N, C-alpha and C. Protein backbone atom coordinates (compact mmCIF):
# COMPACT_ATOMS: atom_id res chain seq x y z
N UNK A 1 -2.26 80.09 -5.90
CA UNK A 1 -3.19 80.41 -5.19
C UNK A 1 -4.41 81.47 -5.68
N UNK A 2 -5.33 81.12 -6.03
CA UNK A 2 -6.15 81.98 -6.42
C UNK A 2 -7.79 82.42 -5.66
N UNK A 3 -7.62 81.68 -4.56
CA UNK A 3 -8.47 82.05 -3.54
C UNK A 3 -10.11 81.49 -3.82
N UNK A 4 -10.21 80.83 -4.84
CA UNK A 4 -11.31 79.87 -5.17
C UNK A 4 -11.26 78.38 -4.77
N UNK A 5 -10.49 77.92 -4.27
CA UNK A 5 -10.40 76.71 -3.77
C UNK A 5 -9.76 76.42 -2.67
N UNK A 6 -9.84 75.13 -1.74
CA UNK A 6 -9.27 74.88 -0.55
C UNK A 6 -7.87 74.22 -0.96
N UNK A 7 -6.79 74.65 0.04
CA UNK A 7 -5.71 73.82 -0.30
C UNK A 7 -5.71 72.39 0.45
N UNK A 8 -4.97 71.96 -0.34
CA UNK A 8 -4.67 70.34 0.64
C UNK A 8 -3.89 70.15 1.72
N UNK A 9 -2.73 71.24 1.51
CA UNK A 9 -1.82 71.24 2.54
C UNK A 9 -1.20 72.62 2.63
N UNK A 10 -1.32 73.23 4.25
CA UNK A 10 -0.84 74.46 4.36
C UNK A 10 0.04 74.53 5.36
N UNK A 11 0.88 75.45 5.94
CA UNK A 11 1.53 75.65 7.05
C UNK A 11 1.54 77.02 7.76
N UNK A 12 1.59 77.12 9.08
CA UNK A 12 2.18 78.25 9.72
C UNK A 12 3.21 78.12 10.68
N UNK A 13 4.05 79.20 10.53
CA UNK A 13 5.14 79.27 11.25
C UNK A 13 5.21 80.48 12.14
N UNK A 14 4.96 80.49 13.38
CA UNK A 14 5.51 81.45 14.30
C UNK A 14 6.44 82.26 14.06
N UNK A 15 6.58 83.47 14.44
CA UNK A 15 7.95 84.33 14.71
C UNK A 15 8.49 83.81 15.78
N UNK A 16 9.71 83.90 16.33
CA UNK A 16 10.30 83.34 17.39
C UNK A 16 9.89 84.24 19.01
N UNK A 17 9.40 83.52 19.55
CA UNK A 17 8.86 84.30 21.12
C UNK A 17 9.57 84.00 22.02
N UNK A 18 10.36 85.19 22.78
CA UNK A 18 11.23 85.11 23.76
C UNK A 18 10.78 85.78 25.21
N UNK A 19 9.29 86.55 24.82
CA UNK A 19 8.59 87.21 25.75
C UNK A 19 9.70 88.57 26.45
N UNK A 20 10.31 88.96 25.36
CA UNK A 20 11.09 90.35 25.46
C UNK A 20 12.33 90.09 26.67
N UNK A 21 12.51 88.79 26.97
CA UNK A 21 13.67 88.60 27.87
C UNK A 21 14.44 87.17 27.33
N UNK A 22 15.36 87.52 26.24
CA UNK A 22 15.79 86.23 25.66
C UNK A 22 17.02 85.49 26.48
N UNK A 23 17.22 86.34 27.50
CA UNK A 23 18.16 85.87 28.19
C UNK A 23 17.79 85.01 29.49
N UNK A 24 16.25 84.62 29.67
CA UNK A 24 16.03 84.08 30.87
C UNK A 24 15.33 83.09 29.94
N UNK A 25 14.91 81.77 30.86
CA UNK A 25 14.19 80.47 30.50
C UNK A 25 12.93 80.52 30.61
N UNK A 26 12.18 80.23 29.61
CA UNK A 26 10.32 80.14 30.05
C UNK A 26 9.99 78.72 30.01
N UNK A 27 9.15 78.57 30.89
CA UNK A 27 8.85 77.21 30.91
C UNK A 27 7.25 77.37 30.07
N UNK A 28 7.26 76.89 29.05
CA UNK A 28 6.04 76.69 28.37
C UNK A 28 4.88 75.40 29.22
N UNK A 29 4.15 76.19 29.59
CA UNK A 29 3.38 74.76 30.53
C UNK A 29 2.03 74.44 29.71
N UNK A 30 1.34 75.24 29.01
CA UNK A 30 -0.11 75.00 28.39
C UNK A 30 -0.19 75.67 27.16
N UNK A 31 -0.32 74.97 26.34
CA UNK A 31 -0.90 75.52 24.76
C UNK A 31 -2.63 75.41 24.69
N UNK A 32 -3.32 76.53 23.90
CA UNK A 32 -4.56 76.39 23.85
C UNK A 32 -4.66 76.79 22.39
N UNK A 33 -5.27 75.91 21.62
CA UNK A 33 -5.38 76.00 20.05
C UNK A 33 -7.14 76.27 19.92
N UNK A 34 -7.38 77.46 19.51
CA UNK A 34 -8.66 78.02 19.48
C UNK A 34 -9.32 77.80 17.86
N UNK A 35 -10.26 77.16 17.57
CA UNK A 35 -10.56 77.44 15.83
C UNK A 35 -11.76 78.03 15.54
N UNK A 36 -12.27 78.84 14.61
CA UNK A 36 -12.84 79.57 14.16
C UNK A 36 -14.20 78.79 13.99
N UNK A 37 -14.10 77.59 13.58
CA UNK A 37 -14.96 76.75 13.67
C UNK A 37 -14.62 75.19 14.03
N UNK A 38 -15.82 74.46 14.03
CA UNK A 38 -15.67 73.17 14.66
C UNK A 38 -14.84 72.28 13.77
N UNK A 39 -13.93 71.46 13.96
CA UNK A 39 -13.23 70.75 13.10
C UNK A 39 -14.43 69.86 11.84
N UNK A 40 -14.12 69.46 10.87
CA UNK A 40 -15.14 68.63 10.13
C UNK A 40 -14.11 67.21 9.83
N UNK A 41 -14.85 66.41 8.89
CA UNK A 41 -14.52 65.54 8.51
C UNK A 41 -13.17 65.34 7.48
N UNK A 42 -12.19 64.49 7.72
CA UNK A 42 -10.99 64.81 6.90
C UNK A 42 -10.10 65.83 6.97
N UNK A 43 -10.22 66.70 8.37
CA UNK A 43 -9.60 68.12 8.71
C UNK A 43 -8.50 67.49 9.64
N UNK A 44 -7.20 68.08 9.23
CA UNK A 44 -6.01 67.70 10.53
C UNK A 44 -5.34 68.81 10.79
N UNK A 45 -4.80 68.96 11.91
CA UNK A 45 -3.62 70.07 12.23
C UNK A 45 -2.60 69.51 13.35
N UNK A 46 -1.52 69.37 12.75
CA UNK A 46 -0.25 68.90 13.46
C UNK A 46 0.36 69.93 14.21
N UNK A 47 0.49 70.19 15.24
CA UNK A 47 1.38 71.37 16.11
C UNK A 47 2.83 70.67 16.35
N UNK A 48 3.36 71.54 16.28
CA UNK A 48 5.02 71.21 16.35
C UNK A 48 5.50 72.23 17.05
N UNK A 49 6.94 72.18 17.53
CA UNK A 49 7.31 73.41 18.28
C UNK A 49 9.24 73.13 17.90
N UNK A 50 9.76 74.62 18.15
CA UNK A 50 11.40 74.66 18.00
C UNK A 50 11.44 75.34 19.36
N UNK A 51 12.69 74.91 20.04
CA UNK A 51 13.01 75.62 21.12
C UNK A 51 14.61 75.99 21.09
N UNK A 52 14.74 77.27 21.33
CA UNK A 52 16.38 77.49 21.15
C UNK A 52 16.86 77.28 19.76
N UNK A 53 16.22 78.00 18.86
CA UNK A 53 16.53 77.90 17.73
C UNK A 53 16.87 76.47 16.76
N UNK A 54 16.49 75.38 17.30
CA UNK A 54 16.60 73.90 16.90
C UNK A 54 16.84 74.07 15.30
N UNK A 55 17.28 72.83 15.09
CA UNK A 55 17.25 72.90 13.50
C UNK A 55 16.04 72.10 13.18
N UNK A 56 15.55 71.15 13.86
CA UNK A 56 14.33 70.49 13.54
C UNK A 56 12.74 70.71 14.36
N UNK A 57 12.04 70.38 14.01
CA UNK A 57 10.64 70.63 14.69
C UNK A 57 10.25 69.01 15.29
N UNK A 58 9.84 69.47 16.68
CA UNK A 58 9.32 68.61 17.55
C UNK A 58 7.87 68.58 17.25
N UNK A 59 7.22 67.32 17.16
CA UNK A 59 5.73 67.31 17.25
C UNK A 59 5.15 67.26 18.76
N UNK A 60 4.11 67.86 18.83
CA UNK A 60 3.26 67.94 20.16
C UNK A 60 2.09 67.07 20.22
N UNK A 61 1.27 67.16 19.15
CA UNK A 61 0.23 66.51 19.26
C UNK A 61 -0.50 67.16 17.48
N UNK A 62 -1.52 66.15 17.52
CA UNK A 62 -2.16 66.26 16.32
C UNK A 62 -3.73 66.49 16.81
N UNK A 63 -4.41 67.40 16.22
CA UNK A 63 -5.88 67.43 16.41
C UNK A 63 -6.91 67.09 15.04
N UNK A 64 -7.55 66.12 15.28
CA UNK A 64 -8.31 65.59 13.89
C UNK A 64 -9.50 65.27 14.13
N UNK A 65 -10.33 65.67 13.03
CA UNK A 65 -11.80 64.84 13.29
C UNK A 65 -12.22 63.63 13.70
N UNK A 66 -11.09 62.93 13.12
CA UNK A 66 -10.96 61.11 13.13
C UNK A 66 -11.02 61.01 14.76
N UNK A 67 -9.95 61.42 15.45
CA UNK A 67 -9.59 61.44 16.90
C UNK A 67 -10.44 62.16 17.66
N UNK A 68 -10.61 63.51 17.50
CA UNK A 68 -10.98 64.58 18.32
C UNK A 68 -12.50 65.01 18.10
N UNK A 69 -12.97 64.57 17.20
CA UNK A 69 -14.33 64.94 16.58
C UNK A 69 -14.41 66.54 16.39
N UNK A 70 -15.70 67.13 16.53
CA UNK A 70 -15.81 68.30 16.06
C UNK A 70 -15.80 69.54 17.07
N UNK A 71 -14.45 69.42 17.40
CA UNK A 71 -14.02 70.19 18.58
C UNK A 71 -13.58 71.40 17.86
N UNK A 72 -13.75 72.68 18.91
CA UNK A 72 -13.47 73.94 18.56
C UNK A 72 -12.41 74.35 19.60
N UNK A 73 -11.78 73.64 20.28
CA UNK A 73 -10.58 73.95 20.88
C UNK A 73 -9.87 72.74 21.28
N UNK A 74 -8.32 72.88 21.49
CA UNK A 74 -7.77 71.83 22.16
C UNK A 74 -6.59 72.34 23.20
N UNK A 75 -6.50 71.74 24.10
CA UNK A 75 -5.66 72.06 25.46
C UNK A 75 -4.69 71.05 25.18
N UNK A 76 -3.19 71.39 25.38
CA UNK A 76 -2.28 70.74 25.37
C UNK A 76 -1.22 71.11 26.63
N UNK A 77 -0.28 70.32 26.99
CA UNK A 77 0.42 70.61 28.30
C UNK A 77 2.03 70.21 27.87
N UNK A 78 2.47 70.77 27.14
CA UNK A 78 4.09 70.48 26.53
C UNK A 78 4.94 70.18 27.39
N UNK A 79 5.16 71.12 28.42
CA UNK A 79 6.18 71.06 29.58
C UNK A 79 7.36 71.31 28.88
N UNK A 80 7.47 72.70 28.35
CA UNK A 80 8.74 72.78 27.32
C UNK A 80 9.49 73.96 28.19
N UNK A 81 11.23 73.54 27.99
CA UNK A 81 12.04 74.72 28.80
C UNK A 81 12.59 74.97 28.04
N UNK A 82 13.05 76.79 27.91
CA UNK A 82 13.47 77.10 26.58
C UNK A 82 13.75 78.64 26.90
N UNK A 83 14.88 79.17 26.12
CA UNK A 83 14.95 80.75 26.22
C UNK A 83 13.98 81.09 24.84
N UNK A 84 13.97 80.58 23.78
CA UNK A 84 12.99 80.90 22.64
C UNK A 84 11.97 79.75 22.41
N UNK A 85 11.09 80.18 21.41
CA UNK A 85 10.05 78.88 21.21
C UNK A 85 9.37 79.51 19.92
N UNK A 86 8.84 78.64 19.23
CA UNK A 86 8.46 78.66 17.71
C UNK A 86 7.44 77.66 17.81
N UNK A 87 6.40 78.02 17.27
CA UNK A 87 5.13 76.98 17.06
C UNK A 87 5.23 76.77 15.59
N UNK A 88 4.73 75.76 14.65
CA UNK A 88 4.26 75.22 13.63
C UNK A 88 3.15 74.59 13.65
N UNK A 89 2.32 74.96 12.92
CA UNK A 89 0.72 74.52 12.59
C UNK A 89 0.88 73.92 11.02
N UNK A 90 0.66 72.37 11.27
CA UNK A 90 0.35 72.05 9.52
C UNK A 90 -0.99 71.28 9.21
N UNK A 91 -1.50 71.77 8.29
CA UNK A 91 -2.96 71.67 7.87
C UNK A 91 -2.94 70.62 7.10
N UNK A 92 -3.94 70.03 6.96
CA UNK A 92 -4.24 68.88 5.79
C UNK A 92 -5.83 68.77 5.72
N UNK A 93 -6.15 68.10 4.58
CA UNK A 93 -7.37 68.04 4.56
C UNK A 93 -7.86 67.38 3.24
N UNK A 94 -8.78 66.19 2.91
CA UNK A 94 -8.89 65.45 1.83
C UNK A 94 -10.20 65.93 1.22
N UNK A 95 -10.96 66.99 1.86
CA UNK A 95 -12.36 67.58 1.47
C UNK A 95 -12.30 68.72 0.63
N UNK A 96 -13.32 69.27 0.55
CA UNK A 96 -13.56 70.82 0.05
C UNK A 96 -13.58 71.81 1.61
N UNK A 97 -13.44 71.16 2.66
CA UNK A 97 -13.18 72.08 3.73
C UNK A 97 -11.71 72.37 4.47
N UNK A 98 -11.53 73.14 5.23
CA UNK A 98 -10.08 73.06 5.73
C UNK A 98 -10.51 73.79 7.22
N UNK A 99 -9.31 73.40 8.01
CA UNK A 99 -9.16 73.82 9.68
C UNK A 99 -9.26 75.34 9.57
N UNK A 100 -9.70 76.18 10.19
CA UNK A 100 -9.51 77.49 10.61
C UNK A 100 -9.02 77.90 11.95
N UNK A 101 -7.95 78.26 11.98
CA UNK A 101 -7.52 78.83 13.24
C UNK A 101 -7.83 80.18 13.96
N UNK A 102 -8.08 80.24 15.08
CA UNK A 102 -8.54 81.45 15.55
C UNK A 102 -7.61 82.30 16.40
N UNK A 103 -6.99 81.57 17.25
CA UNK A 103 -6.03 81.72 18.32
C UNK A 103 -5.51 80.89 18.82
N UNK A 104 -4.20 81.11 19.13
CA UNK A 104 -3.01 80.23 19.83
C UNK A 104 -2.50 80.96 21.22
N UNK A 105 -3.11 80.34 21.94
CA UNK A 105 -2.73 80.76 23.44
C UNK A 105 -1.62 80.17 24.29
N UNK A 106 -0.73 80.68 24.78
CA UNK A 106 0.84 80.20 25.14
C UNK A 106 0.63 80.53 26.82
N UNK A 107 0.48 79.49 27.55
CA UNK A 107 0.50 79.68 29.08
C UNK A 107 2.21 79.37 29.30
N UNK A 108 2.80 80.43 30.20
CA UNK A 108 4.45 80.26 30.33
C UNK A 108 4.63 80.90 31.43
N UNK A 109 5.82 80.57 32.09
CA UNK A 109 6.33 81.25 32.98
C UNK A 109 7.96 81.65 33.01
N UNK A 110 8.41 82.82 33.53
CA UNK A 110 9.77 83.01 33.10
C UNK A 110 10.61 82.64 34.54
N UNK A 111 11.72 82.04 34.57
CA UNK A 111 12.45 80.92 35.18
C UNK A 111 13.72 81.76 35.62
N UNK A 112 13.78 82.27 37.06
CA UNK A 112 15.09 82.92 37.42
C UNK A 112 16.08 81.89 37.81
N UNK A 113 16.96 81.60 36.99
CA UNK A 113 17.96 80.67 37.12
C UNK A 113 19.31 81.04 38.13
N UNK A 114 19.35 82.02 38.67
CA UNK A 114 19.96 82.69 39.57
C UNK A 114 19.15 82.86 40.87
């Protein structure tokens, strides 16, 4: 990658999130993806997660210009319960622009199991 062009495909995988409490279960209630700029034609972001170090990723949703339009954020309610949580964003485009993520916000609660 020389920095002079836009890549057709890219991915981001977060570190494992356990809220500093790996022994307690978390309830992932909401996710919000905020983009640095509005989605443009031919841009797509697929959001997936892993719970408790699972071997494979589970898709949550896709953000695309075709479906969502020129959005700058998307709110999701995945309703996931786990001790550890990871997020993956897969980016794709077929033009000269690419989606740009500004932030990922996770709304969760810690559940006391006893």
